[in-house]
Amino acid sequence: MGEAYNLSGGQVYEIQEIVDILRGLTGFDFEIWQDPKLLRPTDEPIIFGDSQKFQRETGWQQEIPLEKTLGDMLVYWDKVL
């Protein structure tokens, strides 16, 4: 039977950082808000993956920066919508 592996970029981002990157890529100053009804007392304040096991066993390293991933996502959705 196989094993489970986490794959992550190895860096933790605040949502605000991601929003700021998206604002810079789009040139659009959109508004964000949080619905307090959707927050749960059990929500973790920080969630991140640990890829060390996968890296040790395969030599894999992240190569694509978050900014490129977000830019590619915007290009994709621009085409789809």
PDB file of N, CA and C in Angstrom:
ATOM      1  N   MET A   1       0.842  -1.178   0.000  1.00  0.00           N
ATOM      2  CA  MET A   1       0.000   0.000   0.000  1.00  0.00           C
ATOM      3  C   MET A   1       0.889   1.244   0.000  1.00  0.00           C
ATOM      4  N   GLY A   2       0.435   2.301  -0.623  1.00  0.00           N
ATOM      5  CA  GLY A   2       1.201   3.537  -0.740  1.00  0.00           C
ATOM      6  C   GLY A   2       1.232   4.344   0.544  1.00  0.00           C
ATOM      7  N   GLU A   3       1.924   5.454   0.487  1.00  0.00           N
ATOM      8  CA  GLU A   3       2.040   6.351   1.631  1.00  0.00           C
ATOM      9  C   GLU A   3       1.413   7.688   1.299  1.00  0.00           C
ATOM     10  N   ALA A   4       1.093   8.448   2.327  1.00  0.00           N
ATOM     11  CA  ALA A   4       0.541   9.793   2.157  1.00  0.00           C
ATOM     12  C   ALA A   4       1.676  10.810   2.221  1.00  0.00           C
ATOM     13  N   TYR A   5       1.596  11.809   1.354  1.00  0.00           N
ATOM     14  CA  TYR A   5       2.585  12.881   1.321  1.00  0.00           C
ATOM     15  C   TYR A   5       1.866  14.222   1.263  1.00  0.00           C
ATOM     16  N   ASN A   6       2.433  15.214   1.917  1.00  0.00           N
ATOM     17  CA  ASN A   6       1.965  16.593   1.775  1.00  0.00           C
ATOM     18  C   ASN A   6       2.842  17.282   0.749  1.00  0.00           C
ATOM     19  N   LEU A   7       2.228  18.070  -0.112  1.00  0.00           N
ATOM     20  CA  LEU A   7       2.975  18.913  -1.040  1.00  0.00           C
ATOM     21  C   LEU A   7       2.563  20.351  -0.770  1.00  0.00           C
ATOM     22  N   SER A   8       3.533  21.169  -0.475  1.00  0.00           N
ATOM     23  CA  SER A   8       3.252  22.574  -0.204  1.00  0.00           C
ATOM     24  C   SER A   8       4.458  23.397  -0.623  1.00  0.00           C
ATOM     25  N   GLY A   9       4.248  24.696  -0.657  1.00  0.00           N
ATOM     26  CA  GLY A   9       5.300  25.590  -1.090  1.00  0.00           C
ATOM     27  C   GLY A   9       6.335  25.883  -0.034  1.00  0.00           C
ATOM     28  N   GLY A  10       6.072  25.530   1.195  1.00  0.00           N
ATOM     29  CA  GLY A  10       7.041  25.754   2.245  1.00  0.00           C
ATOM     30  C   GLY A  10       7.019  27.146   2.843  1.00  0.00           C
ATOM     31  N   GLN A  11       6.125  27.992   2.367  1.00  0.00           N
ATOM     32  CA  GLN A  11       6.013  29.337   2.927  1.00  0.00           C
ATOM     33  C   GLN A  11       4.560  29.582   3.298  1.00  0.00           C
ATOM     34  N   VAL A  12       4.347  30.213   4.443  1.00  0.00           N
ATOM     35  CA  VAL A  12       3.001  30.527   4.908  1.00  0.00           C
ATOM     36  C   VAL A  12       2.665  31.949   4.469  1.00  0.00           C
ATOM     37  N   TYR A  13       1.476  32.123   3.891  1.00  0.00           N
ATOM     38  CA  TYR A  13       1.012  33.436   3.467  1.00  0.00           C
ATOM     39  C   TYR A  13      -0.250  33.805   4.233  1.00  0.00           C
ATOM     40  N   GLU A  14      -0.345  35.061   4.612  1.00  0.00           N
ATOM     41  CA  GLU A  14      -1.605  35.576   5.132  1.00  0.00           C
ATOM     42  C   GLU A  14      -2.511  35.849   3.939  1.00  0.00           C
ATOM     43  N   ILE A  15      -3.808  35.711   4.154  1.00  0.00           N
ATOM     44  CA  ILE A  15      -4.762  35.977   3.082  1.00  0.00           C
ATOM     45  C   ILE A  15      -4.560  37.394   2.545  1.00  0.00           C
ATOM     46  N   GLN A  16      -4.252  38.336   3.422  1.00  0.00           N
ATOM     47  CA  GLN A  16      -4.043  39.715   2.983  1.00  0.00           C
ATOM     48  C   GLN A  16      -2.899  39.814   1.976  1.00  0.00           C
ATOM     49  N   GLU A  17      -1.851  39.017   2.160  1.00  0.00           N
ATOM     50  CA  GLU A  17      -0.740  39.021   1.208  1.00  0.00           C
ATOM     51  C   GLU A  17      -1.194  38.542  -0.171  1.00  0.00           C
ATOM     52  N   ILE A  18      -2.023  37.513  -0.180  1.00  0.00           N
ATOM     53  CA  ILE A  18      -2.534  36.974  -1.440  1.00  0.00           C
ATOM     54  C   ILE A  18      -3.444  37.998  -2.113  1.00  0.00           C
ATOM     55  N   VAL A  19      -4.293  38.644  -1.314  1.00  0.00           N
ATOM     56  CA  VAL A  19      -5.178  39.689  -1.846  1.00  0.00           C
ATOM     57  C   VAL A  19      -4.348  40.819  -2.447  1.00  0.00           C
ATOM     58  N   ASP A  20      -3.288  41.226  -1.756  1.00  0.00           N
ATOM     59  CA  ASP A  20      -2.438  42.308  -2.267  1.00  0.00           C
ATOM     60  C   ASP A  20      -1.764  41.918  -3.580  1.00  0.00           C
ATOM     61  N   ILE A  21      -1.312  40.666  -3.693  1.00  0.00           N
ATOM     62  CA  ILE A  21      -0.722  40.198  -4.952  1.00  0.00           C
ATOM     63  C   ILE A  21      -1.758  40.255  -6.064  1.00  0.00           C
ATOM     64  N   LEU A  22      -2.982  39.781  -5.784  1.00  0.00           N
ATOM     65  CA  LEU A  22      -4.045  39.793  -6.792  1.00  0.00           C
ATOM     66  C   LEU A  22      -4.407  41.221  -7.192  1.00  0.00           C
ATOM     67  N   ARG A  23      -4.436  42.129  -6.236  1.00  0.00           N
ATOM     68  CA  ARG A  23      -4.708  43.534  -6.569  1.00  0.00           C
ATOM     69  C   ARG A  23      -3.634  44.075  -7.507  1.00  0.00           C
ATOM     70  N   GLY A  24      -2.383  43.744  -7.219  1.00  0.00           N
ATOM     71  CA  GLY A  24      -1.285  44.199  -8.078  1.00  0.00           C
ATOM     72  C   GLY A  24      -1.354  43.613  -9.473  1.00  0.00           C
ATOM     73  N   LEU A  25      -1.738  42.342  -9.576  1.00  0.00           N
ATOM     74  CA  LEU A  25      -1.812  41.688 -10.885  1.00  0.00           C
ATOM     75  C   LEU A  25      -2.985  42.186 -11.717  1.00  0.00           C
ATOM     76  N   THR A  26      -4.086  42.539 -11.049  1.00  0.00           N
ATOM     77  CA  THR A  26      -5.285  42.959 -11.782  1.00  0.00           C
ATOM     78  C   THR A  26      -5.360  44.467 -11.959  1.00  0.00           C
ATOM     79  N   GLY A  27      -4.700  45.217 -11.072  1.00  0.00           N
ATOM     80  CA  GLY A  27      -4.830  46.667 -11.106  1.00  0.00           C
ATOM     81  C   GLY A  27      -6.195  47.121 -10.636  1.00  0.00           C
ATOM     82  N   PHE A  28      -6.909  46.231  -9.960  1.00  0.00           N
ATOM     83  CA  PHE A  28      -8.270  46.510  -9.507  1.00  0.00           C
ATOM     84  C   PHE A  28      -8.295  46.485  -7.983  1.00  0.00           C
ATOM     85  N   ASP A  29      -8.820  47.530  -7.370  1.00  0.00           N
ATOM     86  CA  ASP A  29      -8.868  47.612  -5.908  1.00  0.00           C
ATOM     87  C   ASP A  29     -10.204  47.079  -5.409  1.00  0.00           C
ATOM     88  N   PHE A  30     -10.347  45.761  -5.399  1.00  0.00           N
ATOM     89  CA  PHE A  30     -11.599  45.136  -4.978  1.00  0.00           C
ATOM     90  C   PHE A  30     -11.708  45.098  -3.457  1.00  0.00           C
ATOM     91  N   GLU A  31     -12.922  44.927  -3.003  1.00  0.00           N
ATOM     92  CA  GLU A  31     -13.205  44.887  -1.570  1.00  0.00           C
ATOM     93  C   GLU A  31     -13.332  43.432  -1.122  1.00  0.00           C
ATOM     94  N   ILE A  32     -12.858  43.141   0.071  1.00  0.00           N
ATOM     95  CA  ILE A  32     -13.069  41.816   0.657  1.00  0.00           C
ATOM     96  C   ILE A  32     -13.726  42.001   2.023  1.00  0.00           C
ATOM     97  N   TRP A  33     -14.467  41.010   2.422  1.00  0.00           N
ATOM     98  CA  TRP A  33     -15.084  41.030   3.739  1.00  0.00           C
ATOM     99  C   TRP A  33     -15.217  39.612   4.249  1.00  0.00           C
ATOM    100  N   GLN A  34     -15.399  39.516   5.529  1.00  0.00           N
ATOM    101  CA  GLN A  34     -15.467  38.219   6.201  1.00  0.00           C
ATOM    102  C   GLN A  34     -16.850  38.073   6.821  1.00  0.00           C
ATOM    103  N   ASP A  35     -17.487  36.949   6.574  1.00  0.00           N
ATOM    104  CA  ASP A  35     -18.801  36.674   7.149  1.00  0.00           C
ATOM    105  C   ASP A  35     -18.595  35.974   8.486  1.00  0.00           C
ATOM    106  N   PRO A  36     -18.854  36.657   9.602  1.00  0.00           N
ATOM    107  CA  PRO A  36     -18.607  36.057  10.910  1.00  0.00           C
ATOM    108  C   PRO A  36     -19.428  34.793  11.168  1.00  0.00           C
ATOM    109  N   LYS A  37     -20.541  34.632  10.450  1.00  0.00           N
ATOM    110  CA  LYS A  37     -21.364  33.430  10.625  1.00  0.00           C
ATOM    111  C   LYS A  37     -20.656  32.180  10.115  1.00  0.00           C
ATOM    112  N   LEU A  38     -19.663  32.374   9.237  1.00  0.00           N
ATOM    113  CA  LEU A  38     -18.949  31.225   8.673  1.00  0.00           C
ATOM    114  C   LEU A  38     -17.718  30.832   9.485  1.00  0.00           C
ATOM    115  N   LEU A  39     -17.372  31.621  10.488  1.00  0.00           N
ATOM    116  CA  LEU A  39     -16.220  31.306  11.333  1.00  0.00           C
ATOM    117  C   LEU A  39     -16.631  30.318  12.416  1.00  0.00           C
ATOM    118  N   ARG A  40     -15.747  29.375  12.679  1.00  0.00           N
ATOM    119  CA  ARG A  40     -16.022  28.370  13.713  1.00  0.00           C
ATOM    120  C   ARG A  40     -14.956  28.475  14.798  1.00  0.00           C
ATOM    121  N   PRO A  41     -15.318  28.200  16.031  1.00  0.00           N
ATOM    122  CA  PRO A  41     -14.327  28.262  17.107  1.00  0.00           C
ATOM    123  C   PRO A  41     -13.180  27.273  16.915  1.00  0.00           C
ATOM    124  N   THR A  42     -13.408  26.228  16.138  1.00  0.00           N
ATOM    125  CA  THR A  42     -12.374  25.209  15.930  1.00  0.00           C
ATOM    126  C   THR A  42     -11.474  25.514  14.746  1.00  0.00           C
ATOM    127  N   ASP A  43     -11.735  26.606  14.002  1.00  0.00           N
ATOM    128  CA  ASP A  43     -10.887  26.959  12.864  1.00  0.00           C
ATOM    129  C   ASP A  43      -9.476  27.252  13.339  1.00  0.00           C
ATOM    130  N   GLU A  44      -8.513  26.704  12.609  1.00  0.00           N
ATOM    131  CA  GLU A  44      -7.104  26.934  12.925  1.00  0.00           C
ATOM    132  C   GLU A  44      -6.687  28.300  12.392  1.00  0.00           C
ATOM    133  N   PRO A  45      -5.955  29.097  13.168  1.00  0.00           N
ATOM    134  CA  PRO A  45      -5.530  30.407  12.670  1.00  0.00           C
ATOM    135  C   PRO A  45      -4.463  30.311  11.574  1.00  0.00           C
ATOM    136  N   ILE A  46      -3.671  29.255  11.596  1.00  0.00           N
ATOM    137  CA  ILE A  46      -2.632  29.060  10.586  1.00  0.00           C
ATOM    138  C   ILE A  46      -2.700  27.610  10.106  1.00  0.00           C
ATOM    139  N   ILE A  47      -2.781  27.443   8.790  1.00  0.00           N
ATOM    140  CA  ILE A  47      -2.800  26.111   8.193  1.00  0.00           C
ATOM    141  C   ILE A  47      -1.717  26.072   7.128  1.00  0.00           C
ATOM    142  N   PHE A  48      -0.828  25.102   7.207  1.00  0.00           N
ATOM    143  CA  PHE A  48       0.219  24.979   6.203  1.00  0.00           C
ATOM    144  C   PHE A  48       0.650  23.523   6.111  1.00  0.00           C
ATOM    145  N   GLY A  49       1.221  23.184   4.969  1.00  0.00           N
ATOM    146  CA  GLY A  49       1.679  21.823   4.744  1.00  0.00           C
ATOM    147  C   GLY A  49       3.170  21.685   5.001  1.00  0.00           C
ATOM    148  N   ASP A  50       3.599  20.473   5.210  1.00  0.00           N
ATOM    149  CA  ASP A  50       5.011  20.174   5.428  1.00  0.00           C
ATOM    150  C   ASP A  50       5.439  19.132   4.391  1.00  0.00           C
ATOM    151  N   SER A  51       6.210  19.565   3.419  1.00  0.00           N
ATOM    152  CA  SER A  51       6.633  18.693   2.320  1.00  0.00           C
ATOM    153  C   SER A  51       7.954  17.977   2.581  1.00  0.00           C
ATOM    154  N   GLN A  52       8.497  18.065   3.775  1.00  0.00           N
ATOM    155  CA  GLN A  52       9.835  17.530   4.035  1.00  0.00           C
ATOM    156  C   GLN A  52       9.965  16.044   3.717  1.00  0.00           C
ATOM    157  N   LYS A  53       8.966  15.255   4.062  1.00  0.00           N
ATOM    158  CA  LYS A  53       9.033  13.816   3.790  1.00  0.00           C
ATOM    159  C   LYS A  53       9.135  13.565   2.284  1.00  0.00           C
ATOM    160  N   PHE A  54       8.298  14.227   1.505  1.00  0.00           N
ATOM    161  CA  PHE A  54       8.320  14.066   0.053  1.00  0.00           C
ATOM    162  C   PHE A  54       9.636  14.564  -0.535  1.00  0.00           C
ATOM    163  N   GLN A  55      10.137  15.683  -0.024  1.00  0.00           N
ATOM    164  CA  GLN A  55      11.410  16.224  -0.499  1.00  0.00           C
ATOM    165  C   GLN A  55      12.567  15.266  -0.214  1.00  0.00           C
ATOM    166  N   ARG A  56      12.588  14.700   0.990  1.00  0.00           N
ATOM    167  CA  ARG A  56      13.647  13.740   1.348  1.00  0.00           C
ATOM    168  C   ARG A  56      13.634  12.535   0.426  1.00  0.00           C
ATOM    169  N   GLU A  57      12.454  12.031   0.132  1.00  0.00           N
ATOM    170  CA  GLU A  57      12.352  10.789  -0.623  1.00  0.00           C
ATOM    171  C   GLU A  57      12.448  10.967  -2.134  1.00  0.00           C
ATOM    172  N   THR A  58      12.221  12.180  -2.628  1.00  0.00           N
ATOM    173  CA  THR A  58      12.207  12.370  -4.085  1.00  0.00           C
ATOM    174  C   THR A  58      13.165  13.455  -4.574  1.00  0.00           C
ATOM    175  N   GLY A  59      13.598  14.351  -3.689  1.00  0.00           N
ATOM    176  CA  GLY A  59      14.426  15.474  -4.106  1.00  0.00           C
ATOM    177  C   GLY A  59      13.632  16.632  -4.685  1.00  0.00           C
ATOM    178  N   TRP A  60      12.301  16.527  -4.665  1.00  0.00           N
ATOM    179  CA  TRP A  60      11.441  17.574  -5.220  1.00  0.00           C
ATOM    180  C   TRP A  60      11.617  18.887  -4.467  1.00  0.00           C
ATOM    181  N   GLN A  61      11.577  19.986  -5.202  1.00  0.00           N
ATOM    182  CA  GLN A  61      11.572  21.328  -4.628  1.00  0.00           C
ATOM    183  C   GLN A  61      10.563  22.175  -5.380  1.00  0.00           C
ATOM    184  N   GLN A  62       9.919  23.070  -4.687  1.00  0.00           N
ATOM    185  CA  GLN A  62       9.003  23.995  -5.343  1.00  0.00           C
ATOM    186  C   GLN A  62       9.784  24.882  -6.301  1.00  0.00           C
ATOM    187  N   GLU A  63       9.259  25.066  -7.507  1.00  0.00           N
ATOM    188  CA  GLU A  63       9.915  25.912  -8.497  1.00  0.00           C
ATOM    189  C   GLU A  63       9.052  27.089  -8.930  1.00  0.00           C
ATOM    190  N   ILE A  64       7.746  26.968  -8.810  1.00  0.00           N
ATOM    191  CA  ILE A  64       6.842  28.002  -9.308  1.00  0.00           C
ATOM    192  C   ILE A  64       6.412  28.901  -8.145  1.00  0.00           C
ATOM    193  N   PRO A  65       6.722  30.193  -8.221  1.00  0.00           N
ATOM    194  CA  PRO A  65       6.351  31.097  -7.135  1.00  0.00           C
ATOM    195  C   PRO A  65       4.840  31.366  -7.112  1.00  0.00           C
ATOM    196  N   LEU A  66       4.348  31.734  -5.942  1.00  0.00           N
ATOM    197  CA  LEU A  66       2.925  32.011  -5.767  1.00  0.00           C
ATOM    198  C   LEU A  66       2.438  33.063  -6.758  1.00  0.00           C
ATOM    199  N   GLU A  67       3.222  34.099  -7.008  1.00  0.00           N
ATOM    200  CA  GLU A  67       2.809  35.166  -7.912  1.00  0.00           C
ATOM    201  C   GLU A  67       2.509  34.622  -9.314  1.00  0.00           C
ATOM    202  N   LYS A  68       3.317  33.675  -9.788  1.00  0.00           N
ATOM    203  CA  LYS A  68       3.072  33.073 -11.105  1.00  0.00           C
ATOM    204  C   LYS A  68       1.808  32.223 -11.081  1.00  0.00           C
ATOM    205  N   THR A  69       1.620  31.456 -10.022  1.00  0.00           N
ATOM    206  CA  THR A  69       0.418  30.630  -9.909  1.00  0.00           C
ATOM    207  C   THR A  69      -0.832  31.503  -9.928  1.00  0.00           C
ATOM    208  N   LEU A  70      -0.814  32.594  -9.165  1.00  0.00           N
ATOM    209  CA  LEU A  70      -1.972  33.487  -9.136  1.00  0.00           C
ATOM    210  C   LEU A  70      -2.187  34.155 -10.496  1.00  0.00           C
ATOM    211  N   GLY A  71      -1.101  34.566 -11.148  1.00  0.00           N
ATOM    212  CA  GLY A  71      -1.212  35.149 -12.487  1.00  0.00           C
ATOM    213  C   GLY A  71      -1.794  34.162 -13.489  1.00  0.00           C
ATOM    214  N   ASP A  72      -1.329  32.911 -13.441  1.00  0.00           N
ATOM    215  CA  ASP A  72      -1.857  31.871 -14.334  1.00  0.00           C
ATOM    216  C   ASP A  72      -3.335  31.631 -14.060  1.00  0.00           C
ATOM    217  N   MET A  73      -3.720  31.669 -12.796  1.00  0.00           N
ATOM    218  CA  MET A  73      -5.124  31.484 -12.424  1.00  0.00           C
ATOM    219  C   MET A  73      -5.981  32.598 -13.021  1.00  0.00           C
ATOM    220  N   LEU A  74      -5.497  33.828 -12.954  1.00  0.00           N
ATOM    221  CA  LEU A  74      -6.247  34.952 -13.514  1.00  0.00           C
ATOM    222  C   LEU A  74      -6.384  34.823 -15.028  1.00  0.00           C
ATOM    223  N   VAL A  75      -5.318  34.419 -15.711  1.00  0.00           N
ATOM    224  CA  VAL A  75      -5.373  34.220 -17.168  1.00  0.00           C
ATOM    225  C   VAL A  75      -6.400  33.139 -17.500  1.00  0.00           C
ATOM    226  N   TYR A  76      -6.395  32.037 -16.768  1.00  0.00           N
ATOM    227  CA  TYR A  76      -7.339  30.949 -17.002  1.00  0.00           C
ATOM    228  C   TYR A  76      -8.773  31.440 -16.868  1.00  0.00           C
ATOM    229  N   TRP A  77      -9.084  32.100 -15.756  1.00  0.00           N
ATOM    230  CA  TRP A  77     -10.460  32.532 -15.514  1.00  0.00           C
ATOM    231  C   TRP A  77     -10.870  33.646 -16.465  1.00  0.00           C
ATOM    232  N   ASP A  78      -9.943  34.436 -16.937  1.00  0.00           N
ATOM    233  CA  ASP A  78     -10.258  35.451 -17.949  1.00  0.00           C
ATOM    234  C   ASP A  78     -10.737  34.787 -19.226  1.00  0.00           C
ATOM    235  N   LYS A  79     -10.116  33.652 -19.585  1.00  0.00           N
ATOM    236  CA  LYS A  79     -10.510  32.918 -20.783  1.00  0.00           C
ATOM    237  C   LYS A  79     -11.845  32.208 -20.589  1.00  0.00           C
ATOM    238  N   VAL A  80     -12.044  31.628 -19.409  1.00  0.00           N
ATOM    239  CA  VAL A  80     -13.259  30.846 -19.140  1.00  0.00           C
ATOM    240  C   VAL A  80     -14.483  31.738 -19.008  1.00  0.00           C
ATOM    241  N   LEU A  81     -14.305  32.865 -18.358  1.00  0.00           N
ATOM    242  CA  LEU A  81     -15.448  33.752 -18.133  1.00  0.00           C
ATOM    243  C   LEU A  81     -15.591  34.693 -19.296  1.00  0.00           C
TER     244      LEU A  81
END
